[in-house]
PDB file of N, CA and C in Angstrom:
ATOM      1  N   UNK A   1     -16.926  22.015 -17.702  1.00  0.00           N
ATOM      2  CA  UNK A   1     -16.575  21.988 -16.282  1.00  0.00           C
ATOM      3  C   UNK A   1     -15.104  21.609 -16.152  1.00  0.00           C
ATOM      4  N   UNK A   2     -14.364  22.360 -15.350  1.00  0.00           N
ATOM      5  CA  UNK A   2     -12.950  22.092 -15.125  1.00  0.00           C
ATOM      6  C   UNK A   2     -12.775  21.047 -14.037  1.00  0.00           C
ATOM      7  N   UNK A   3     -11.712  20.268 -14.141  1.00  0.00           N
ATOM      8  CA  UNK A   3     -11.402  19.264 -13.119  1.00  0.00           C
ATOM      9  C   UNK A   3     -10.810  19.958 -11.894  1.00  0.00           C
ATOM     10  N   UNK A   4     -11.084  19.416 -10.714  1.00  0.00           N
ATOM     11  CA  UNK A   4     -10.515  19.952  -9.478  1.00  0.00           C
ATOM     12  C   UNK A   4      -9.822  18.841  -8.709  1.00  0.00           C
ATOM     13  N   UNK A   5      -8.798  19.199  -7.968  1.00  0.00           N
ATOM     14  CA  UNK A   5      -8.051  18.238  -7.142  1.00  0.00           C
ATOM     15  C   UNK A   5      -7.843  18.873  -5.771  1.00  0.00           C
ATOM     16  N   UNK A   6      -8.015  18.097  -4.716  1.00  0.00           N
ATOM     17  CA  UNK A   6      -7.777  18.549  -3.347  1.00  0.00           C
ATOM     18  C   UNK A   6      -6.855  17.560  -2.654  1.00  0.00           C
ATOM     19  N   UNK A   7      -5.920  18.065  -1.873  1.00  0.00           N
ATOM     20  CA  UNK A   7      -4.981  17.231  -1.122  1.00  0.00           C
ATOM     21  C   UNK A   7      -5.151  17.562   0.350  1.00  0.00           C
ATOM     22  N   UNK A   8      -5.129  16.540   1.216  1.00  0.00           N
ATOM     23  CA  UNK A   8      -5.297  16.777   2.644  1.00  0.00           C
ATOM     24  C   UNK A   8      -4.567  15.740   3.469  1.00  0.00           C
ATOM     25  N   UNK A   9      -4.612  15.950   4.758  1.00  0.00           N
ATOM     26  CA  UNK A   9      -3.982  15.015   5.677  1.00  0.00           C
ATOM     27  C   UNK A   9      -4.418  15.308   7.087  1.00  0.00           C
ATOM     28  N   UNK A  10      -4.121  14.386   7.994  1.00  0.00           N
ATOM     29  CA  UNK A  10      -4.465  14.579   9.390  1.00  0.00           C
ATOM     30  C   UNK A  10      -3.533  13.756  10.261  1.00  0.00           C
ATOM     31  N   UNK A  11      -3.485  14.134  11.528  1.00  0.00           N
ATOM     32  CA  UNK A  11      -2.759  13.364  12.534  1.00  0.00           C
ATOM     33  C   UNK A  11      -3.769  12.905  13.567  1.00  0.00           C
ATOM     34  N   UNK A  12      -3.727  11.645  13.935  1.00  0.00           N
ATOM     35  CA  UNK A  12      -4.605  11.108  14.975  1.00  0.00           C
ATOM     36  C   UNK A  12      -3.746  10.704  16.153  1.00  0.00           C
ATOM     37  N   UNK A  13      -4.245  10.961  17.355  1.00  0.00           N
ATOM     38  CA  UNK A  13      -3.528  10.537  18.551  1.00  0.00           C
ATOM     39  C   UNK A  13      -4.541  10.233  19.645  1.00  0.00           C
ATOM     40  N   UNK A  14      -4.051   9.766  20.775  1.00  0.00           N
ATOM     41  CA  UNK A  14      -4.937   9.473  21.898  1.00  0.00           C
ATOM     42  C   UNK A  14      -5.084  10.664  22.824  1.00  0.00           C
ATOM     43  N   UNK A  15      -4.584  11.813  22.447  1.00  0.00           N
ATOM     44  CA  UNK A  15      -4.675  13.011  23.282  1.00  0.00           C
ATOM     45  C   UNK A  15      -6.064  13.635  23.156  1.00  0.00           C
ATOM     46  N   UNK A  16      -6.609  14.124  24.250  1.00  0.00           N
ATOM     47  CA  UNK A  16      -7.923  14.757  24.243  1.00  0.00           C
ATOM     48  C   UNK A  16      -7.834  16.219  23.844  1.00  0.00           C
ATOM     49  N   UNK A  17      -6.728  16.868  24.108  1.00  0.00           N
ATOM     50  CA  UNK A  17      -6.593  18.290  23.851  1.00  0.00           C
ATOM     51  C   UNK A  17      -6.151  18.547  22.416  1.00  0.00           C
ATOM     52  N   UNK A  18      -6.829  19.479  21.746  1.00  0.00           N
ATOM     53  CA  UNK A  18      -6.460  19.821  20.378  1.00  0.00           C
ATOM     54  C   UNK A  18      -5.156  20.610  20.336  1.00  0.00           C
ATOM     55  N   UNK A  19      -4.712  21.174  21.449  1.00  0.00           N
ATOM     56  CA  UNK A  19      -3.491  21.967  21.462  1.00  0.00           C
ATOM     57  C   UNK A  19      -2.255  21.118  21.733  1.00  0.00           C
ATOM     58  N   UNK A  20      -2.423  19.863  22.074  1.00  0.00           N
ATOM     59  CA  UNK A  20      -1.284  18.988  22.355  1.00  0.00           C
ATOM     60  C   UNK A  20      -0.635  18.545  21.055  1.00  0.00           C
ATOM     61  N   UNK A  21       0.660  18.348  21.096  1.00  0.00           N
ATOM     62  CA  UNK A  21       1.362  17.830  19.926  1.00  0.00           C
ATOM     63  C   UNK A  21       0.982  16.375  19.733  1.00  0.00           C
ATOM     64  N   UNK A  22       0.452  15.991  18.556  1.00  0.00           N
ATOM     65  CA  UNK A  22      -0.048  14.636  18.375  1.00  0.00           C
ATOM     66  C   UNK A  22       1.010  13.543  18.498  1.00  0.00           C
ATOM     67  N   UNK A  23       2.252  13.834  18.169  1.00  0.00           N
ATOM     68  CA  UNK A  23       3.274  12.798  18.237  1.00  0.00           C
ATOM     69  C   UNK A  23       3.949  12.738  19.603  1.00  0.00           C
ATOM     70  N   UNK A  24       3.512  13.574  20.534  1.00  0.00           N
ATOM     71  CA  UNK A  24       4.074  13.555  21.877  1.00  0.00           C
ATOM     72  C   UNK A  24       3.024  13.073  22.873  1.00  0.00           C
ATOM     73  N   UNK A  25       2.195  12.163  22.455  1.00  0.00           N
ATOM     74  CA  UNK A  25       1.097  11.682  23.297  1.00  0.00           C
ATOM     75  C   UNK A  25       1.655  10.930  24.504  1.00  0.00           C
ATOM     76  N   UNK A  26       0.965  11.071  25.620  1.00  0.00           N
ATOM     77  CA  UNK A  26       1.430  10.442  26.854  1.00  0.00           C
ATOM     78  C   UNK A  26       0.768   9.088  27.044  1.00  0.00           C
ATOM     79  N   UNK A  27       1.218   8.391  28.076  1.00  0.00           N
ATOM     80  CA  UNK A  27       0.610   7.123  28.440  1.00  0.00           C
ATOM     81  C   UNK A  27      -0.788   7.373  28.987  1.00  0.00           C
ATOM     82  N   UNK A  28      -1.663   6.400  28.867  1.00  0.00           N
ATOM     83  CA  UNK A  28      -3.021   6.549  29.380  1.00  0.00           C
ATOM     84  C   UNK A  28      -3.377   5.331  30.204  1.00  0.00           C
ATOM     85  N   UNK A  29      -4.217   5.499  31.224  1.00  0.00           N
ATOM     86  CA  UNK A  29      -4.558   4.359  32.077  1.00  0.00           C
ATOM     87  C   UNK A  29      -5.373   3.323  31.314  1.00  0.00           C
ATOM     88  N   UNK A  30      -5.128   2.066  31.637  1.00  0.00           N
ATOM     89  CA  UNK A  30      -5.831   0.982  30.963  1.00  0.00           C
ATOM     90  C   UNK A  30      -7.075   0.527  31.699  1.00  0.00           C
ATOM     91  N   UNK A  31      -7.253   0.952  32.939  1.00  0.00           N
ATOM     92  CA  UNK A  31      -8.455   0.599  33.681  1.00  0.00           C
ATOM     93  C   UNK A  31      -8.793   1.747  34.636  1.00  0.00           C
ATOM     94  N   UNK A  32      -9.941   1.665  35.285  1.00  0.00           N
ATOM     95  CA  UNK A  32     -10.405   2.749  36.163  1.00  0.00           C
ATOM     96  C   UNK A  32      -9.436   3.002  37.309  1.00  0.00           C
ATOM     97  N   UNK A  33      -8.775   1.981  37.798  1.00  0.00           N
ATOM     98  CA  UNK A  33      -7.838   2.134  38.908  1.00  0.00           C
ATOM     99  C   UNK A  33      -6.421   2.449  38.463  1.00  0.00           C
ATOM    100  N   UNK A  34      -6.215   2.623  37.169  1.00  0.00           N
ATOM    101  CA  UNK A  34      -4.884   2.883  36.596  1.00  0.00           C
ATOM    102  C   UNK A  34      -3.896   1.791  37.008  1.00  0.00           C
ATOM    103  N   UNK A  35      -4.360   0.531  36.989  1.00  0.00           N
ATOM    104  CA  UNK A  35      -3.518  -0.592  37.362  1.00  0.00           C
ATOM    105  C   UNK A  35      -2.467  -0.926  36.318  1.00  0.00           C
ATOM    106  N   UNK A  36      -2.664  -0.502  35.088  1.00  0.00           N
ATOM    107  CA  UNK A  36      -1.681  -0.679  34.027  1.00  0.00           C
ATOM    108  C   UNK A  36      -1.901   0.430  33.005  1.00  0.00           C
ATOM    109  N   UNK A  37      -0.896   0.660  32.166  1.00  0.00           N
ATOM    110  CA  UNK A  37      -0.980   1.761  31.221  1.00  0.00           C
ATOM    111  C   UNK A  37      -0.651   1.290  29.805  1.00  0.00           C
ATOM    112  N   UNK A  38      -1.300   1.927  28.834  1.00  0.00           N
ATOM    113  CA  UNK A  38      -0.991   1.685  27.423  1.00  0.00           C
ATOM    114  C   UNK A  38      -0.172   2.872  26.921  1.00  0.00           C
ATOM    115  N   UNK A  39       0.789   2.634  26.059  1.00  0.00           N
ATOM    116  CA  UNK A  39       1.590   3.748  25.551  1.00  0.00           C
ATOM    117  C   UNK A  39       0.757   4.674  24.674  1.00  0.00           C
ATOM    118  N   UNK A  40       1.131   5.946  24.635  1.00  0.00           N
ATOM    119  CA  UNK A  40       0.470   6.901  23.762  1.00  0.00           C
ATOM    120  C   UNK A  40       0.795   6.596  22.311  1.00  0.00           C
ATOM    121  N   UNK A  41       0.065   7.224  21.396  1.00  0.00           N
ATOM    122  CA  UNK A  41       0.328   7.000  19.982  1.00  0.00           C
ATOM    123  C   UNK A  41      -0.033   8.223  19.165  1.00  0.00           C
ATOM    124  N   UNK A  42       0.520   8.297  17.981  1.00  0.00           N
ATOM    125  CA  UNK A  42       0.169   9.304  16.989  1.00  0.00           C
ATOM    126  C   UNK A  42       0.386   8.698  15.621  1.00  0.00           C
ATOM    127  N   UNK A  43      -0.576   8.822  14.734  1.00  0.00           N
ATOM    128  CA  UNK A  43      -0.454   8.304  13.371  1.00  0.00           C
ATOM    129  C   UNK A  43      -0.838   9.402  12.379  1.00  0.00           C
ATOM    130  N   UNK A  44      -0.348   9.274  11.157  1.00  0.00           N
ATOM    131  CA  UNK A  44      -0.582  10.265  10.113  1.00  0.00           C
ATOM    132  C   UNK A  44      -1.387   9.633   8.987  1.00  0.00           C
ATOM    133  N   UNK A  45      -2.439  10.355   8.533  1.00  0.00           N
ATOM    134  CA  UNK A  45      -3.252   9.948   7.394  1.00  0.00           C
ATOM    135  C   UNK A  45      -3.100  11.005   6.300  1.00  0.00           C
ATOM    136  N   UNK A  46      -3.025  10.582   5.046  1.00  0.00           N
ATOM    137  CA  UNK A  46      -2.939  11.514   3.926  1.00  0.00           C
ATOM    138  C   UNK A  46      -3.906  11.079   2.836  1.00  0.00           C
ATOM    139  N   UNK A  47      -4.319  12.011   2.004  1.00  0.00           N
ATOM    140  CA  UNK A  47      -5.243  11.648   0.939  1.00  0.00           C
ATOM    141  C   UNK A  47      -5.293  12.698  -0.150  1.00  0.00           C
ATOM    142  N   UNK A  48      -5.819  12.298  -1.265  1.00  0.00           N
ATOM    143  CA  UNK A  48      -6.040  13.186  -2.397  1.00  0.00           C
ATOM    144  C   UNK A  48      -7.384  12.804  -3.012  1.00  0.00           C
ATOM    145  N   UNK A  49      -8.123  13.802  -3.480  1.00  0.00           N
ATOM    146  CA  UNK A  49      -9.393  13.535  -4.138  1.00  0.00           C
ATOM    147  C   UNK A  49      -9.559  14.516  -5.274  1.00  0.00           C
ATOM    148  N   UNK A  50     -10.381  14.154  -6.203  1.00  0.00           N
ATOM    149  CA  UNK A  50     -10.582  15.027  -7.354  1.00  0.00           C
ATOM    150  C   UNK A  50     -11.974  14.877  -7.916  1.00  0.00           C
ATOM    151  N   UNK A  51     -12.325  15.833  -8.753  1.00  0.00           N
ATOM    152  CA  UNK A  51     -13.627  15.805  -9.409  1.00  0.00           C
ATOM    153  C   UNK A  51     -13.411  16.194 -10.859  1.00  0.00           C
ATOM    154  N   UNK A  52     -13.940  15.391 -11.748  1.00  0.00           N
ATOM    155  CA  UNK A  52     -13.807  15.633 -13.186  1.00  0.00           C
ATOM    156  C   UNK A  52     -15.178  15.991 -13.753  1.00  0.00           C
ATOM    157  N   UNK A  53     -15.214  16.177 -15.022  1.00  0.00           N
ATOM    158  CA  UNK A  53     -16.456  16.537 -15.698  1.00  0.00           C
ATOM    159  C   UNK A  53     -17.491  15.414 -15.609  1.00  0.00           C
ATOM    160  N   UNK A  54     -18.745  15.765 -15.807  1.00  0.00           N
ATOM    161  CA  UNK A  54     -19.863  14.811 -15.896  1.00  0.00           C
ATOM    162  C   UNK A  54     -20.115  14.052 -14.596  1.00  0.00           C
ATOM    163  N   UNK A  55     -19.864  14.672 -13.444  1.00  0.00           N
ATOM    164  CA  UNK A  55     -20.206  14.069 -12.160  1.00  0.00           C
ATOM    165  C   UNK A  55     -19.287  12.952 -11.697  1.00  0.00           C
ATOM    166  N   UNK A  56     -18.113  12.832 -12.280  1.00  0.00           N
ATOM    167  CA  UNK A  56     -17.164  11.781 -11.889  1.00  0.00           C
ATOM    168  C   UNK A  56     -16.244  12.313 -10.791  1.00  0.00           C
ATOM    169  N   UNK A  57     -16.171  11.610  -9.673  1.00  0.00           N
ATOM    170  CA  UNK A  57     -15.289  11.971  -8.564  1.00  0.00           C
ATOM    171  C   UNK A  57     -14.429  10.764  -8.211  1.00  0.00           C
ATOM    172  N   UNK A  58     -13.246  11.011  -7.675  1.00  0.00           N
ATOM    173  CA  UNK A  58     -12.328   9.928  -7.320  1.00  0.00           C
ATOM    174  C   UNK A  58     -11.530  10.331  -6.089  1.00  0.00           C
ATOM    175  N   UNK A  59     -10.910   9.346  -5.459  1.00  0.00           N
ATOM    176  CA  UNK A  59     -10.098   9.628  -4.289  1.00  0.00           C
ATOM    177  C   UNK A  59      -9.131   8.507  -3.985  1.00  0.00           C
ATOM    178  N   UNK A  60      -8.091   8.850  -3.253  1.00  0.00           N
ATOM    179  CA  UNK A  60      -7.087   7.896  -2.799  1.00  0.00           C
ATOM    180  C   UNK A  60      -6.656   8.343  -1.414  1.00  0.00           C
ATOM    181  N   UNK A  61      -6.678   7.446  -0.448  1.00  0.00           N
ATOM    182  CA  UNK A  61      -6.311   7.779   0.928  1.00  0.00           C
ATOM    183  C   UNK A  61      -5.363   6.724   1.483  1.00  0.00           C
ATOM    184  N   UNK A  62      -4.433   7.181   2.301  1.00  0.00           N
ATOM    185  CA  UNK A  62      -3.479   6.303   2.976  1.00  0.00           C
ATOM    186  C   UNK A  62      -3.615   6.545   4.471  1.00  0.00           C
ATOM    187  N   UNK A  63      -4.063   5.543   5.203  1.00  0.00           N
ATOM    188  CA  UNK A  63      -4.201   5.626   6.657  1.00  0.00           C
ATOM    189  C   UNK A  63      -2.957   5.036   7.304  1.00  0.00           C
ATOM    190  N   UNK A  64      -2.528   5.630   8.417  1.00  0.00           N
ATOM    191  CA  UNK A  64      -1.349   5.172   9.163  1.00  0.00           C
ATOM    192  C   UNK A  64      -0.154   5.038   8.214  1.00  0.00           C
ATOM    193  N   UNK A  65       0.221   6.157   7.598  1.00  0.00           N
ATOM    194  CA  UNK A  65       1.249   6.177   6.552  1.00  0.00           C
ATOM    195  C   UNK A  65       2.573   5.546   6.988  1.00  0.00           C
ATOM    196  N   UNK A  66       2.960   5.705   8.239  1.00  0.00           N
ATOM    197  CA  UNK A  66       4.224   5.145   8.719  1.00  0.00           C
ATOM    198  C   UNK A  66       4.088   3.698   9.199  1.00  0.00           C
ATOM    199  N   UNK A  67       2.883   3.143   9.107  1.00  0.00           N
ATOM    200  CA  UNK A  67       2.591   1.773   9.540  1.00  0.00           C
ATOM    201  C   UNK A  67       2.997   1.537  10.996  1.00  0.00           C
ATOM    202  N   UNK A  68       2.628   2.482  11.872  1.00  0.00           N
ATOM    203  CA  UNK A  68       2.929   2.358  13.300  1.00  0.00           C
ATOM    204  C   UNK A  68       2.025   1.334  13.951  1.00  0.00           C
ATOM    205  N   UNK A  69       2.570   0.571  14.867  1.00  0.00           N
ATOM    206  CA  UNK A  69       1.768  -0.357  15.670  1.00  0.00           C
ATOM    207  C   UNK A  69       1.413   0.347  16.961  1.00  0.00           C
ATOM    208  N   UNK A  70       0.132   0.312  17.329  1.00  0.00           N
ATOM    209  CA  UNK A  70      -0.310   1.025  18.529  1.00  0.00           C
ATOM    210  C   UNK A  70      -1.531   0.347  19.128  1.00  0.00           C
ATOM    211  N   UNK A  71      -1.780   0.652  20.393  1.00  0.00           N
ATOM    212  CA  UNK A  71      -2.951   0.142  21.101  1.00  0.00           C
ATOM    213  C   UNK A  71      -4.076   1.146  20.911  1.00  0.00           C
ATOM    214  N   UNK A  72      -5.147   0.729  20.235  1.00  0.00           N
ATOM    215  CA  UNK A  72      -6.283   1.607  19.967  1.00  0.00           C
ATOM    216  C   UNK A  72      -7.207   1.704  21.158  1.00  0.00           C
ATOM    217  N   UNK A  73      -7.450   0.583  21.820  1.00  0.00           N
ATOM    218  CA  UNK A  73      -8.345   0.552  22.973  1.00  0.00           C
ATOM    219  C   UNK A  73      -8.000  -0.644  23.839  1.00  0.00           C
ATOM    220  N   UNK A  74      -8.326  -0.523  25.121  1.00  0.00           N
ATOM    221  CA  UNK A  74      -8.162  -1.651  26.016  1.00  0.00           C
ATOM    222  C   UNK A  74      -9.108  -1.491  27.190  1.00  0.00           C
ATOM    223  N   UNK A  75      -9.622  -2.633  27.659  1.00  0.00           N
ATOM    224  CA  UNK A  75     -10.531  -2.620  28.799  1.00  0.00           C
ATOM    225  C   UNK A  75      -9.974  -3.396  29.981  1.00  0.00           C
ATOM    226  N   UNK A  76      -8.960  -4.201  29.732  1.00  0.00           N
ATOM    227  CA  UNK A  76      -8.274  -4.938  30.787  1.00  0.00           C
ATOM    228  C   UNK A  76      -6.929  -5.386  30.230  1.00  0.00           C
ATOM    229  N   UNK A  77      -6.106  -5.948  31.071  1.00  0.00           N
ATOM    230  CA  UNK A  77      -4.800  -6.427  30.610  1.00  0.00           C
ATOM    231  C   UNK A  77      -4.943  -7.565  29.599  1.00  0.00           C
ATOM    232  N   UNK A  78      -6.081  -8.242  29.586  1.00  0.00           N
ATOM    233  CA  UNK A  78      -6.310  -9.353  28.665  1.00  0.00           C
ATOM    234  C   UNK A  78      -7.101  -8.949  27.428  1.00  0.00           C
ATOM    235  N   UNK A  79      -7.677  -7.752  27.405  1.00  0.00           N
ATOM    236  CA  UNK A  79      -8.528  -7.323  26.294  1.00  0.00           C
ATOM    237  C   UNK A  79      -7.932  -6.071  25.651  1.00  0.00           C
ATOM    238  N   UNK A  80      -6.991  -6.285  24.724  1.00  0.00           N
ATOM    239  CA  UNK A  80      -6.257  -5.200  24.082  1.00  0.00           C
ATOM    240  C   UNK A  80      -6.577  -5.202  22.595  1.00  0.00           C
ATOM    241  N   UNK A  81      -6.971  -4.034  22.060  1.00  0.00           N
ATOM    242  CA  UNK A  81      -7.305  -3.892  20.639  1.00  0.00           C
ATOM    243  C   UNK A  81      -6.197  -3.108  19.950  1.00  0.00           C
ATOM    244  N   UNK A  82      -5.540  -3.741  19.006  1.00  0.00           N
ATOM    245  CA  UNK A  82      -4.480  -3.051  18.279  1.00  0.00           C
ATOM    246  C   UNK A  82      -5.087  -2.129  17.224  1.00  0.00           C
ATOM    247  N   UNK A  83      -4.374  -1.061  16.922  1.00  0.00           N
ATOM    248  CA  UNK A  83      -4.822  -0.118  15.899  1.00  0.00           C
ATOM    249  C   UNK A  83      -4.651  -0.695  14.506  1.00  0.00           C
ATOM    250  N   UNK A  84      -5.288  -0.047  13.563  1.00  0.00           N
ATOM    251  CA  UNK A  84      -5.246  -0.481  12.167  1.00  0.00           C
ATOM    252  C   UNK A  84      -3.860  -0.261  11.588  1.00  0.00           C
ATOM    253  N   UNK A  85      -3.359  -1.245  10.883  1.00  0.00           N
ATOM    254  CA  UNK A  85      -2.078  -1.109  10.193  1.00  0.00           C
ATOM    255  C   UNK A  85      -2.277  -0.232   8.959  1.00  0.00           C
ATOM    256  N   UNK A  86      -1.221   0.000   8.202  1.00  0.00           N
ATOM    257  CA  UNK A  86      -1.311   0.840   7.014  1.00  0.00           C
ATOM    258  C   UNK A  86      -2.397   0.302   6.074  1.00  0.00           C
ATOM    259  N   UNK A  87      -3.247   1.226   5.581  1.00  0.00           N
ATOM    260  CA  UNK A  87      -4.339   0.857   4.678  1.00  0.00           C
ATOM    261  C   UNK A  87      -4.435   1.869   3.549  1.00  0.00           C
ATOM    262  N   UNK A  88      -4.710   1.393   2.353  1.00  0.00           N
ATOM    263  CA  UNK A  88      -4.923   2.262   1.202  1.00  0.00           C
ATOM    264  C   UNK A  88      -6.361   2.103   0.745  1.00  0.00           C
ATOM    265  N   UNK A  89      -7.044   3.236   0.537  1.00  0.00           N
ATOM    266  CA  UNK A  89      -8.415   3.244   0.028  1.00  0.00           C
ATOM    267  C   UNK A  89      -8.416   4.005  -1.291  1.00  0.00           C
ATOM    268  N   UNK A  90      -9.065   3.447  -2.290  1.00  0.00           N
ATOM    269  CA  UNK A  90      -9.255   4.138  -3.562  1.00  0.00           C
ATOM    270  C   UNK A  90     -10.728   4.009  -3.937  1.00  0.00           C
ATOM    271  N   UNK A  91     -11.286   5.071  -4.510  1.00  0.00           N
ATOM    272  CA  UNK A  91     -12.686   5.014  -4.908  1.00  0.00           C
ATOM    273  C   UNK A  91     -12.954   5.911  -6.105  1.00  0.00           C
ATOM    274  N   UNK A  92     -14.020   5.546  -6.796  1.00  0.00           N
ATOM    275  CA  UNK A  92     -14.532   6.326  -7.913  1.00  0.00           C
ATOM    276  C   UNK A  92     -16.030   6.409  -7.752  1.00  0.00           C
ATOM    277  N   UNK A  93     -16.606   7.596  -7.939  1.00  0.00           N
ATOM    278  CA  UNK A  93     -18.041   7.800  -7.835  1.00  0.00           C
ATOM    279  C   UNK A  93     -18.562   8.509  -9.060  1.00  0.00           C
ATOM    280  N   UNK A  94     -19.774   8.191  -9.416  1.00  0.00           N
ATOM    281  CA  UNK A  94     -20.417   8.896 -10.515  1.00  0.00           C
ATOM    282  C   UNK A  94     -21.818   9.289 -10.083  1.00  0.00           C
ATOM    283  N   UNK A  95     -22.135  10.549 -10.180  1.00  0.00           N
ATOM    284  CA  UNK A  95     -23.470  11.012  -9.806  1.00  0.00           C
ATOM    285  C   UNK A  95     -24.167  11.603 -11.023  1.00  0.00           C
ATOM    286  N   UNK A  96     -25.472  11.394 -11.088  1.00  0.00           N
ATOM    287  CA  UNK A  96     -26.238  11.987 -12.188  1.00  0.00           C
ATOM    288  C   UNK A  96     -27.588  12.439 -11.720  1.00  0.00           C
TER     289      UNK A  96
END
């Protein structure tokens, strides 16, 4: 069995439309009455994964590659959830 490698990436933003540019996200209302607004955001994730002989698979992923600080969610001016900072994930799997 030959080894295989796959490389991928994605952009995440707060935009609802798939046709919008992810890094040009607009402000969004923070409450039902739009009494305050949170800034838009866009982050980039990248990863690589591979599969070797004998059921061995591995992967490495980098979330929020630019380490952007952003507001992930908010329900009021006092309840603000910051987005995840840069994170690296590595894994190895074996199946039989």
